[in-house]
Protein backbone atom coordinates (compact mmCIF):
# COMPACT_ATOMS: atom_id res chain seq x y z
CA UNK A 1 4.94 -40.37 -19.35
CA UNK A 2 3.97 -39.14 -22.80
CA UNK A 3 0.28 -39.11 -21.90
CA UNK A 4 1.07 -37.30 -18.63
CA UNK A 5 3.11 -34.66 -20.42
CA UNK A 6 0.35 -34.09 -22.98
CA UNK A 7 -2.19 -33.78 -20.18
CA UNK A 8 -0.16 -31.06 -18.48
CA UNK A 9 -0.08 -29.08 -21.70
CA UNK A 10 -3.85 -29.37 -22.15
CA UNK A 11 -4.52 -28.22 -18.59
CA UNK A 12 -2.13 -25.31 -19.01
CA UNK A 13 -4.15 -24.12 -21.98
CA UNK A 14 -7.46 -24.61 -20.18
CA UNK A 15 -6.39 -22.86 -16.97
CA UNK A 16 -4.20 -19.89 -17.98
CA UNK A 17 -3.40 -18.51 -14.50
CA UNK A 18 0.08 -16.98 -14.47
CA UNK A 19 3.00 -17.32 -12.09
CA UNK A 20 3.59 -14.47 -9.59
CA UNK A 21 7.36 -14.65 -10.18
CA UNK A 22 7.20 -15.20 -13.95
CA UNK A 23 4.09 -13.27 -15.07
CA UNK A 24 4.31 -14.51 -18.66
CA UNK A 25 4.41 -18.19 -17.70
CA UNK A 26 1.22 -20.12 -16.89
CA UNK A 27 0.57 -22.23 -13.83
CA UNK A 28 0.05 -25.91 -14.71
CA UNK A 29 -1.30 -28.80 -12.68
CA UNK A 30 1.18 -31.34 -11.36
CA UNK A 31 0.23 -34.76 -9.97
CA UNK A 32 2.26 -37.37 -8.14
CA UNK A 33 5.39 -35.26 -8.23
CA UNK A 34 5.34 -35.09 -12.02
CA UNK A 35 5.87 -31.73 -13.68
CA UNK A 36 6.61 -31.00 -17.29
CA UNK A 37 8.02 -34.48 -17.89
CA UNK A 38 10.48 -34.27 -14.97
CA UNK A 39 10.18 -35.94 -11.59
CA UNK A 40 10.22 -33.60 -8.59
CA UNK A 41 13.05 -34.54 -6.25
CA UNK A 42 11.33 -33.31 -3.05
CA UNK A 43 8.12 -31.89 -1.66
CA UNK A 44 7.60 -28.13 -1.75
CA UNK A 45 5.35 -25.60 0.02
CA UNK A 46 2.37 -23.59 -1.16
CA UNK A 47 3.54 -20.00 -1.68
CA UNK A 48 0.33 -18.63 -0.14
CA UNK A 49 -0.71 -20.79 2.81
CA UNK A 50 2.63 -22.54 3.45
CA UNK A 51 1.13 -26.05 3.34
CA UNK A 52 3.63 -28.77 2.45
CA UNK A 53 2.85 -30.19 -0.97
CA UNK A 54 3.77 -33.84 -0.90
CA UNK A 55 4.61 -35.66 -4.09
CA UNK A 56 1.39 -37.65 -3.77
CA UNK A 57 -0.84 -34.56 -3.85
CA UNK A 58 -1.82 -32.54 -6.89
CA UNK A 59 -0.75 -28.91 -7.01
CA UNK A 60 -0.16 -26.02 -9.38
CA UNK A 61 3.36 -25.12 -10.43
CA UNK A 62 5.04 -22.57 -12.69
CA UNK A 63 5.51 -24.04 -16.16
CA UNK A 64 8.88 -22.34 -16.42
CA UNK A 65 10.08 -24.35 -13.41
CA UNK A 66 11.02 -21.47 -11.08
CA UNK A 67 9.68 -23.36 -8.06
CA UNK A 68 6.57 -21.24 -7.45
CA UNK A 69 3.79 -23.58 -6.26
CA UNK A 70 0.19 -23.32 -5.10
CA UNK A 71 -2.10 -25.92 -3.56
CA UNK A 72 -5.53 -26.60 -5.03
CA UNK A 73 -7.22 -24.47 -2.37
CA UNK A 74 -5.08 -21.42 -3.05
CA UNK A 75 -4.83 -21.57 -6.84
CA UNK A 76 -8.29 -20.14 -7.58
CA UNK A 77 -7.79 -17.54 -4.83
CA UNK A 78 -6.03 -14.48 -6.15
CA UNK A 79 -4.42 -11.86 -3.89
CA UNK A 80 -7.33 -9.58 -4.70
CA UNK A 81 -9.78 -11.48 -2.51
CA UNK A 82 -11.48 -8.63 -0.67
CA UNK A 83 -10.73 -8.21 3.02
CA UNK A 84 -14.11 -6.52 3.49
CA UNK A 85 -17.52 -6.73 1.79
CA UNK A 86 -17.53 -5.26 -1.68
CA UNK A 87 -19.27 -1.97 -2.30
CA UNK A 88 -22.83 -2.05 -3.54
CA UNK A 89 -21.83 -0.48 -6.87
CA UNK A 90 -20.54 -2.51 -9.79
CA UNK A 91 -16.78 -3.04 -9.69
CA UNK A 92 -14.65 -2.53 -12.75
CA UNK A 93 -12.78 -5.52 -14.10
CA UNK A 94 -9.00 -5.43 -14.14
CA UNK A 95 -7.57 -5.33 -17.64
CA UNK A 96 -5.81 -8.62 -18.31
CA UNK A 97 -2.87 -6.74 -19.87
CA UNK A 98 -2.26 -4.64 -16.77
CA UNK A 99 0.27 -1.85 -17.09
CA UNK A 100 1.27 -3.14 -20.53
CA UNK A 101 -2.14 -2.24 -21.98
CA UNK A 102 -1.88 0.17 -24.90
CA UNK A 103 -5.57 0.64 -25.71
CA UNK A 104 -6.42 4.33 -25.73
CA UNK A 105 -10.19 4.22 -26.24
CA UNK A 106 -12.35 5.90 -23.62
CA UNK A 107 -14.69 2.88 -23.58
CA UNK A 108 -11.86 0.55 -22.65
CA UNK A 109 -10.59 2.84 -19.88
CA UNK A 110 -14.12 3.18 -18.50
CA UNK A 111 -14.81 -0.54 -18.51
CA UNK A 112 -11.46 -1.85 -17.28
CA UNK A 113 -9.23 -0.83 -14.34
CA UNK A 114 -5.47 -0.55 -14.80
CA UNK A 115 -2.52 -0.16 -12.42
CA UNK A 116 -2.32 3.48 -11.39
CA UNK A 117 -6.11 3.97 -11.39
CA UNK A 118 -7.53 5.06 -8.06
CA UNK A 119 -9.81 2.01 -7.83
CA UNK A 120 -7.12 -0.50 -8.77
CA UNK A 121 -7.06 -1.72 -5.18
CA UNK A 122 -7.87 -4.84 -3.22
CA UNK A 123 -11.63 -5.34 -2.91
CA UNK A 124 -12.37 -2.51 -5.36
CA UNK A 125 -11.60 -4.29 -8.62
CA UNK A 126 -12.62 -7.66 -10.02
CA UNK A 127 -9.97 -10.02 -11.38
CA UNK A 128 -10.64 -12.74 -13.89
CA UNK A 129 -10.21 -16.30 -12.66
CA UNK A 130 -6.51 -17.08 -12.35
CA UNK A 131 -5.44 -13.50 -13.09
CA UNK A 132 -3.21 -11.75 -10.57
CA UNK A 133 -2.83 -7.97 -10.19
CA UNK A 134 0.05 -6.44 -12.11
CA UNK A 135 2.25 -5.21 -9.24
CA UNK A 136 5.74 -4.22 -10.37
CA UNK A 137 7.09 -2.19 -7.43
CA UNK A 138 6.86 -2.23 -3.65
CA UNK A 139 4.76 0.94 -3.87
CA UNK A 140 2.34 -0.86 -6.22
CA UNK A 141 1.86 -3.65 -3.66
CA UNK A 142 1.34 -1.23 -0.79
CA UNK A 143 -1.19 0.92 -2.65
CA UNK A 144 -3.11 -2.12 -3.90
CA UNK A 145 -3.66 -3.41 -0.38
CA UNK A 146 -4.53 0.03 1.05
CA UNK A 147 -8.10 0.43 -0.26
CA UNK A 148 -8.90 3.15 2.29
CA UNK A 149 -5.98 5.25 0.98
CA UNK A 150 -4.96 5.93 4.58
CA UNK A 151 -1.24 5.57 3.93
CA UNK A 152 -1.12 2.75 6.50
CA UNK A 153 -1.77 -0.98 6.38
CA UNK A 154 -3.70 -2.46 9.25
CA UNK A 155 -3.33 -6.12 10.14
CA UNK A 156 -5.85 -7.72 7.79
CA UNK A 157 -4.66 -5.78 4.76
CA UNK A 158 -1.01 -6.18 5.73
CA UNK A 159 -1.28 -9.97 5.95
CA UNK A 160 -2.73 -10.11 2.44
CA UNK A 161 0.08 -7.88 1.20
CA UNK A 162 2.58 -10.11 3.03
CA UNK A 163 1.25 -13.19 1.22
CA UNK A 164 1.75 -11.40 -2.08
CA UNK A 165 5.32 -10.55 -1.07
CA UNK A 166 5.92 -14.16 0.00
CA UNK A 167 4.80 -15.35 -3.42
CA UNK A 168 7.27 -12.99 -5.14
CA UNK A 169 10.26 -13.32 -2.84
CA UNK A 170 12.94 -15.90 -3.63
CA UNK A 171 13.36 -16.49 0.10
CA UNK A 172 11.04 -18.27 2.53
CA UNK A 173 8.77 -15.75 4.26
CA UNK A 174 7.20 -16.61 7.62
CA UNK A 175 3.77 -14.97 7.46
CA UNK A 176 3.17 -15.81 11.12
CA UNK A 177 5.76 -13.32 12.34
CA UNK A 178 5.57 -10.80 9.49
CA UNK A 179 3.19 -8.42 11.30
CA UNK A 180 5.52 -8.14 14.28
CA UNK A 181 8.65 -7.91 12.12
CA UNK A 182 7.17 -4.96 10.20
CA UNK A 183 6.38 -3.10 13.43
CA UNK A 184 2.62 -3.67 13.27
CA UNK A 185 2.43 -5.28 16.72
CA UNK A 186 4.03 -2.20 18.31
CA UNK A 187 2.39 0.54 16.25
CA UNK A 188 -0.95 -1.03 15.37
CA UNK A 189 -0.32 -0.25 11.70
CA UNK A 190 2.46 -0.38 9.10
CA UNK A 191 3.50 2.67 7.08
CA UNK A 192 5.01 2.40 3.62
CA UNK A 193 8.50 3.04 4.99
CA UNK A 194 8.24 0.12 7.40
CA UNK A 195 6.58 -2.04 4.74
CA UNK A 196 9.37 -1.36 2.25
CA UNK A 197 11.99 -2.06 4.90
CA UNK A 198 10.31 -5.36 5.79
CA UNK A 199 10.12 -6.33 2.11
CA UNK A 200 13.87 -5.76 1.78
CA UNK A 201 14.52 -7.83 4.91
CA UNK A 202 12.62 -10.83 3.52
CA UNK A 203 14.52 -10.75 0.24
CA UNK A 204 12.12 -8.95 -2.13
CA UNK A 205 14.22 -7.17 -4.74
CA UNK A 206 11.54 -5.16 -6.51
CA UNK A 207 12.08 -1.45 -7.23
CA UNK A 208 10.75 0.88 -4.54
CA UNK A 209 8.58 2.72 -7.04
CA UNK A 210 8.88 6.20 -5.50
CA UNK A 211 11.31 8.95 -6.41
CA UNK A 212 13.18 10.22 -3.33
CA UNK A 213 15.57 12.48 -5.25
CA UNK A 214 15.12 15.82 -6.98
CA UNK A 215 12.60 15.94 -9.85
CA UNK A 216 13.95 13.82 -12.68
CA UNK A 217 12.81 12.56 -16.05
CA UNK A 218 10.41 9.62 -16.00
CA UNK A 219 11.51 7.21 -18.68
CA UNK A 220 9.13 4.62 -20.08
CA UNK A 221 9.72 1.15 -18.61
CA UNK A 222 7.65 -0.75 -21.16
CA UNK A 223 8.90 -4.10 -22.35
CA UNK A 224 11.41 -6.67 -21.11
CA UNK A 225 14.16 -5.23 -18.91
CA UNK A 226 12.92 -1.70 -19.69
CA UNK A 227 14.29 -1.93 -23.23
CA UNK A 228 11.05 -1.71 -25.19
CA UNK A 229 10.56 2.06 -25.49
CA UNK A 230 12.82 5.09 -25.95
CA UNK A 231 10.40 7.61 -24.42
CA UNK A 232 12.22 9.74 -21.83
CA UNK A 233 9.30 11.61 -20.25
CA UNK A 234 5.57 11.12 -19.82
CA UNK A 235 3.55 13.45 -22.04
CA UNK A 236 -0.19 12.80 -21.98
CA UNK A 237 -1.61 11.92 -25.37
CA UNK A 238 -4.67 14.02 -24.52
CA UNK A 239 -5.87 16.01 -21.51
CA UNK A 240 -6.42 13.74 -18.47
CA UNK A 241 -5.30 10.70 -20.44
CA UNK A 242 -3.43 7.91 -18.67
CA UNK A 243 -1.55 7.14 -21.87
CA UNK A 244 1.65 8.85 -22.96
CA UNK A 245 2.25 9.94 -26.55
CA UNK A 246 4.51 6.90 -26.78
CA UNK A 247 1.40 4.74 -26.31
CA UNK A 248 2.21 3.42 -22.86
CA UNK A 249 0.55 4.08 -19.53
CA UNK A 250 1.54 6.68 -16.95
CA UNK A 251 2.37 4.02 -14.33
CA UNK A 252 5.11 2.65 -16.60
CA UNK A 253 6.95 5.99 -16.60
CA UNK A 254 9.32 6.09 -13.64
CA UNK A 255 12.57 7.86 -12.82
CA UNK A 256 15.87 6.04 -12.34
CA UNK A 257 15.63 6.70 -8.60
CA UNK A 258 12.22 5.03 -8.31
CA UNK A 259 13.62 1.99 -10.15
CA UNK A 260 16.19 1.44 -7.41
CA UNK A 261 15.80 -1.15 -4.68
CA UNK A 262 15.60 0.08 -1.11
CA UNK A 263 19.25 -0.81 -0.53
CA UNK A 264 20.34 1.25 -3.55
CA UNK A 265 18.23 4.21 -2.45
CA UNK A 266 19.90 4.08 0.94
CA UNK A 267 23.33 4.27 -0.69
CA UNK A 268 22.39 7.11 -3.03
CA UNK A 269 20.21 9.26 -0.75
CA UNK A 270 23.02 11.25 0.87
CA UNK A 271 22.29 14.99 0.41
CA UNK A 272 24.85 16.87 -1.67
CA UNK A 273 25.31 19.61 0.94
CA UNK A 274 26.56 17.18 3.62
CA UNK A 275 30.24 17.14 4.46
CA UNK A 276 31.92 14.35 2.49
CA UNK A 277 32.88 11.22 4.43
CA UNK A 278 31.21 12.53 7.58
CA UNK A 279 28.72 10.44 9.57
CA UNK A 280 26.94 11.50 12.75
CA UNK A 281 26.99 14.95 14.33
CA UNK A 282 29.29 17.25 12.34
CA UNK A 283 30.06 20.60 13.93
CA UNK A 284 28.96 23.68 11.99
CA UNK A 285 31.85 26.13 11.78
CA UNK A 286 30.81 28.39 8.88
CA UNK A 287 30.22 31.91 10.22
CA UNK A 288 27.40 32.58 7.76
CA UNK A 289 25.52 29.45 8.80
CA UNK A 290 25.95 30.17 12.50
CA UNK A 291 24.65 33.69 11.91
CA UNK A 292 21.54 32.33 10.20
CA UNK A 293 20.88 29.97 13.10
CA UNK A 294 21.25 32.79 15.62
CA UNK A 295 18.82 34.86 13.56
CA UNK A 296 16.38 31.92 13.65
CA UNK A 297 16.51 31.92 17.48
CA UNK A 298 15.96 35.69 17.54
CA UNK A 299 13.08 35.65 15.07
CA UNK A 300 11.15 32.80 16.70
CA UNK A 301 11.38 34.12 20.27
CA UNK A 302 8.08 35.40 21.63
CA UNK A 303 8.78 38.47 23.71
CA UNK A 304 5.39 39.08 25.36
CA UNK A 305 2.56 36.93 26.73
CA UNK A 306 4.93 33.98 26.59
CA UNK A 307 4.48 32.00 29.83
CA UNK A 308 2.64 28.68 30.07
CA UNK A 309 2.25 26.16 32.87
CA UNK A 310 4.79 23.87 31.21
CA UNK A 311 7.58 26.29 32.19
CA UNK A 312 6.88 25.48 35.81
CA UNK A 313 7.20 27.07 39.22
CA UNK A 314 10.04 29.42 40.12
CA UNK A 315 10.29 27.79 43.56
CA UNK A 316 9.61 24.09 43.01
CA UNK A 317 10.32 23.57 39.32
CA UNK A 318 8.21 21.49 36.91
CA UNK A 319 5.51 19.07 38.07
CA UNK A 320 6.64 19.50 41.66
CA UNK A 321 3.79 21.47 43.26
CA UNK A 322 0.10 22.29 43.02
CA UNK A 323 -1.32 24.28 40.12
CA UNK A 324 -2.12 27.19 42.46
CA UNK A 325 1.54 27.44 43.47
CA UNK A 326 2.72 27.32 39.86
CA UNK A 327 0.53 30.25 38.82
CA UNK A 328 1.50 32.21 41.93
CA UNK A 329 5.25 31.73 41.35
CA UNK A 330 5.77 31.61 37.61
CA UNK A 331 9.24 30.63 36.43
CA UNK A 332 10.74 33.55 34.50
CA UNK A 333 10.82 33.43 30.70
CA UNK A 334 14.16 34.35 29.08
CA UNK A 335 14.38 37.64 27.24
CA UNK A 336 16.31 35.95 24.46
CA UNK A 337 18.67 33.11 23.50
CA UNK A 338 22.32 33.09 22.49
CA UNK A 339 23.57 30.35 20.19
CA UNK A 340 26.56 28.53 21.68
CA UNK A 341 27.15 25.76 19.14
CA UNK A 342 25.56 23.88 16.25
CA UNK A 343 25.96 20.40 14.75
CA UNK A 344 24.55 19.05 11.51
CA UNK A 345 23.20 15.50 11.83
CA UNK A 346 24.49 13.37 8.93
CA UNK A 347 22.62 10.10 9.42
CA UNK A 348 22.11 8.31 6.05
CA UNK A 349 19.74 5.64 7.43
CA UNK A 350 17.37 8.14 9.06
CA UNK A 351 17.57 10.45 6.05
CA UNK A 352 16.68 7.59 3.68
CA UNK A 353 13.61 6.70 5.73
CA UNK A 354 12.58 10.35 5.97
CA UNK A 355 13.06 10.88 2.22
CA UNK A 356 10.92 7.84 1.45
CA UNK A 357 8.17 9.00 3.81
CA UNK A 358 8.31 12.46 2.24
CA UNK A 359 7.94 10.92 -1.23
CA UNK A 360 4.99 8.84 0.03
CA UNK A 361 3.17 11.89 1.38
CA UNK A 362 4.01 13.81 -1.79
CA UNK A 363 2.23 11.13 -3.81
CA UNK A 364 -0.80 11.27 -1.53
CA UNK A 365 -0.96 15.08 -1.56
CA UNK A 366 -0.78 15.13 -5.36
CA UNK A 367 -4.27 13.61 -5.51
CA UNK A 368 -5.89 16.34 -3.43
CA UNK A 369 -5.21 19.97 -2.70
CA UNK A 370 -2.88 20.27 0.29
CA UNK A 371 -3.64 23.50 2.16
CA UNK A 372 -0.46 25.38 3.01
CA UNK A 373 0.14 26.00 6.72
CA UNK A 374 2.87 28.53 7.41
CA UNK A 375 4.96 28.27 10.58
CA UNK A 376 7.34 30.84 12.05
CA UNK A 377 10.43 28.63 11.96
CA UNK A 378 10.01 27.89 8.25
CA UNK A 379 9.39 31.39 6.95
CA UNK A 380 11.00 32.48 3.68
CA UNK A 381 14.29 33.47 5.31
CA UNK A 382 14.67 30.02 6.91
CA UNK A 383 13.41 27.69 4.16
CA UNK A 384 16.86 27.42 2.55
CA UNK A 385 19.07 26.83 5.58
CA UNK A 386 22.24 24.96 4.72
CA UNK A 387 21.47 25.34 0.95
CA UNK A 388 18.81 22.65 1.37
CA UNK A 389 15.40 24.01 0.50
CA UNK A 390 12.17 22.69 1.99
CA UNK A 391 9.83 20.87 -0.40
CA UNK A 392 6.81 22.92 -1.40
CA UNK A 393 3.25 21.63 -1.65
CA UNK A 394 3.47 19.13 1.22
CA UNK A 395 3.98 21.41 4.25
CA UNK A 396 7.57 20.44 4.91
CA UNK A 397 8.79 22.51 7.87
CA UNK A 398 11.71 23.05 10.19
CA UNK A 399 10.52 22.86 13.80
CA UNK A 400 12.06 22.85 17.29
CA UNK A 401 12.01 20.06 19.86
CA UNK A 402 13.47 20.72 23.31
CA UNK A 403 14.78 18.05 25.68
CA UNK A 404 18.05 17.15 27.43
CA UNK A 405 21.35 17.10 25.56
CA UNK A 406 21.64 13.35 26.11
CA UNK A 407 18.24 12.66 24.56
CA UNK A 408 18.95 15.08 21.71
CA UNK A 409 22.00 13.05 20.77
CA UNK A 410 20.11 9.76 21.08
CA UNK A 411 17.36 11.08 18.80
CA UNK A 412 19.96 12.15 16.23
CA UNK A 413 21.22 8.57 16.25
CA UNK A 414 18.00 6.52 16.34
CA UNK A 415 15.16 9.02 15.84
CA UNK A 416 12.26 9.71 18.20
CA UNK A 417 10.75 7.13 20.52
CA UNK A 418 6.96 7.53 20.63
CA UNK A 419 6.90 5.50 23.83
CA UNK A 420 8.39 8.53 25.59
CA UNK A 421 5.33 10.68 24.83
CA UNK A 422 4.00 12.18 28.07
CA UNK A 423 7.19 11.72 30.09
CA UNK A 424 8.57 15.23 29.54
CA UNK A 425 7.05 18.45 30.80
CA UNK A 426 3.51 17.19 30.15
CA UNK A 427 1.42 17.90 33.23
CA UNK A 428 1.24 14.80 35.44
CA UNK A 429 -0.87 13.81 38.41
CA UNK A 430 0.90 13.52 41.75
CA UNK A 431 3.09 10.43 41.91
CA UNK A 432 2.82 9.69 38.17
CA UNK A 433 5.81 9.53 35.84
CA UNK A 434 3.75 9.86 32.65
CA UNK A 435 0.99 12.27 31.72
CA UNK A 436 -1.62 12.39 28.97
CA UNK A 437 -0.40 14.60 26.12
CA UNK A 438 -2.96 17.13 24.95
CA UNK A 439 -3.23 15.81 21.40
CA UNK A 440 -2.41 12.16 22.12
CA UNK A 441 0.79 10.14 21.97
CA UNK A 442 3.01 11.67 19.32
CA UNK A 443 6.07 13.85 18.81
CA UNK A 444 5.40 17.46 19.78
CA UNK A 445 7.25 20.22 17.97
CA UNK A 446 7.22 24.00 18.22
CA UNK A 447 7.54 26.79 15.70
CA UNK A 448 9.01 29.09 18.40
CA UNK A 449 12.20 28.55 20.38
CA UNK A 450 10.46 30.03 23.44
CA UNK A 451 8.01 27.11 23.51
CA UNK A 452 10.66 24.45 22.84
CA UNK A 453 12.82 25.95 25.60
CA UNK A 454 10.13 25.00 28.16
CA UNK A 455 11.15 21.36 27.69
CA UNK A 456 14.94 21.79 27.73
CA UNK A 457 16.46 19.81 30.61
CA UNK A 458 19.72 19.07 32.41
CA UNK A 459 21.91 21.93 31.17
CA UNK A 460 25.66 21.62 30.99
CA UNK A 461 28.07 24.33 32.17
CA UNK A 462 30.16 26.51 29.90
CA UNK A 463 33.67 27.63 30.85
CA UNK A 464 32.25 30.76 32.48
CA UNK A 465 29.63 28.82 34.45
CA UNK A 466 26.68 29.66 32.19
CA UNK A 467 23.94 27.03 31.82
CA UNK A 468 23.92 25.63 28.28
CA UNK A 469 20.74 23.94 27.00
CA UNK A 470 20.05 21.84 23.90
CA UNK A 471 17.32 21.83 21.29
CA UNK A 472 16.77 19.97 18.03
CA UNK A 473 15.87 21.69 14.78
CA UNK A 474 13.99 19.02 12.83
CA UNK A 475 12.65 18.65 9.35
CA UNK A 476 8.99 17.56 9.45
CA UNK A 477 6.53 16.58 6.73
CA UNK A 478 3.13 17.87 7.77
CA UNK A 479 1.34 16.88 4.56
CA UNK A 480 -2.41 17.35 4.87
CA UNK A 481 -2.77 19.09 8.23
CA UNK A 482 -5.68 18.66 10.63
CA UNK A 483 -6.04 21.99 12.46
CA UNK A 484 -7.43 21.76 15.98
CA UNK A 485 -8.37 25.16 17.40
CA UNK A 486 -10.93 24.11 20.02
CA UNK A 487 -10.50 23.77 23.77
CA UNK A 488 -12.36 20.45 23.86
CA UNK A 489 -9.92 17.92 22.42
CA UNK A 490 -10.58 14.26 21.64
CA UNK A 491 -7.00 13.03 21.32
CA UNK A 492 -7.96 9.54 20.15
CA UNK A 493 -10.18 10.96 17.42
CA UNK A 494 -7.35 13.19 16.20
CA UNK A 495 -4.91 10.31 16.07
CA UNK A 496 -7.43 8.09 14.30
CA UNK A 497 -8.13 10.73 11.64
CA UNK A 498 -4.39 10.87 10.90
CA UNK A 499 -3.69 7.14 10.90
CA UNK A 500 -6.91 5.97 9.26
CA UNK A 501 -8.07 9.11 7.47
CA UNK A 502 -6.77 11.68 4.98
CA UNK A 503 -4.52 13.66 7.33
CA UNK A 504 -0.80 13.36 8.08
CA UNK A 505 -0.34 15.62 11.13
CA UNK A 506 -2.14 17.81 13.66
CA UNK A 507 -1.62 21.54 14.19
CA UNK A 508 -2.75 22.46 17.68
CA UNK A 509 -3.69 26.10 17.19
CA UNK A 510 -4.47 27.56 20.61
CA UNK A 511 -3.70 31.09 19.45
CA UNK A 512 -6.50 32.18 17.09
CA UNK A 513 -9.58 31.32 19.17
CA UNK A 514 -8.25 30.60 22.66
CA UNK A 515 -5.73 33.46 22.74
CA UNK A 516 -2.99 31.21 24.12
CA UNK A 517 0.68 31.99 23.39
CA UNK A 518 1.72 29.08 21.17
CA UNK A 519 0.85 26.60 18.44
CA UNK A 520 2.24 23.06 18.37
CA UNK A 521 2.65 20.49 15.63
CA UNK A 522 2.04 16.83 16.48
CA UNK A 523 3.46 14.00 14.35
CA UNK A 524 2.36 10.40 15.00
CA UNK A 525 4.92 8.64 12.80
CA UNK A 526 8.58 9.27 13.51
CA UNK A 527 9.59 8.65 9.87
CA UNK A 528 7.94 11.99 9.08
CA UNK A 529 10.73 13.63 11.10
CA UNK A 530 14.45 14.07 10.57
CA UNK A 531 16.55 15.60 13.39
CA UNK A 532 18.61 17.90 11.17
CA UNK A 533 20.52 20.10 13.64
CA UNK A 534 21.50 19.95 17.28
CA UNK A 535 21.75 23.48 18.70
CA UNK A 536 23.16 24.47 22.09
CA UNK A 537 22.25 27.84 23.55
CA UNK A 538 22.27 29.99 26.66
CA UNK A 539 19.26 31.77 28.11
CA UNK A 540 19.43 35.57 28.35
CA UNK A 541 17.56 37.23 31.20
CA UNK A 542 16.90 40.90 31.81
CA UNK A 543 19.25 43.18 29.91
CA UNK A 544 22.02 40.53 29.63
């Protein structure tokens, strides 16, 4: 036993790979169930491949004894194994000190990659044998395994990220079902919001790493339990330096909000302007607020050249006759809209997801210039509705979405269902219940109430017999906007450029070149939307 114990110590010095759960503790070889002088009571599993490690087989275990184990095949393989061929250029080597590195020389920063650098990503950086990437937050993990910087993980990259999560989580993670659990099987990709939610579900208790609250100070988190530095805000030691004047790297400076787990962010994300103790649809009774909403309907109504085929036929309705009949008998367009009622949607779960997606896009837009795209429903007079101002620099808007009152209420409860795309007023072939949306399957929103009103359905009756319709006023994060102003539209290409490329949304501008009445915004990820208000209104025709 003495010789065995000594041998473990020698191997630990010779092979200094560190534990994923206890980064300061080395991995040491264990044979025949023996580890650190103690007999293992039962077999364990490899944290990466899941293979059962019997007591008769050698393996690598955390010297601290936390239970983290790797088989011989997985020990040399770090999570940074590239999922695609490496680029032809020479890759930088990851600094062995990670985020804790304090070296300020330009030569060191040029030679070595650190967390927070743009190329500190899977397949783009070389790791020394046995060294694992320094990933301290869920955002760090997501960014590391998103080498294309698309804001989405596709299956191959997600599975590598999932293995990293499995190695860090105190709970058993079934990699075989992880892709489906995170929504990848349904969506074809996993956004950061869904990734963070999945991480929380499998027991990972790391900080989220993104600030979803108002701008706050970014304290230095250097040292054990964030107690090693008193710096309260990052101040670059020199222009474009990644080091603060305190000597620690930018990536170590995070706000209190970004240090919260996903569960804590959910509990603390409730906007201050919401009614206390209210959940769900809360009726708006303030006269000033109702007046602002009525003004919004007035200002976004298009008075002339305002008919499109989606409004339908005056005789047969929508999608009920030939195109020739529709154009010959155009359904009349209202002369205006009268607000009947308004409800604020106070849904903490949806708001938390939206806030996290907004913070994600804000991080991505900070790296490049995000061209501002103004929309009618988010003009200066409407950007502070309900004392809640829209975020600048990321094209956050308020936009309309018309449908039936029943679906409006369902959306306020569970958010949009992308599977419903094409089932509304989208033009359909005879006998079909679903059409092909112009810009692909996504959520379509309008900057003008006149356009959204084309999709309002199944009105209720007021006490005087007037038809009352419903529309949602949603917050939307447009981010980097792909403007499509052409008549020839490749919907799959548009969607691919958003999901795999640098864009976050599509603005279908059929006004500037094609001289059509309206523009539409298309969002392909429902977490970029928050149904903020449910409005009911009556149509006004003629001089009424």
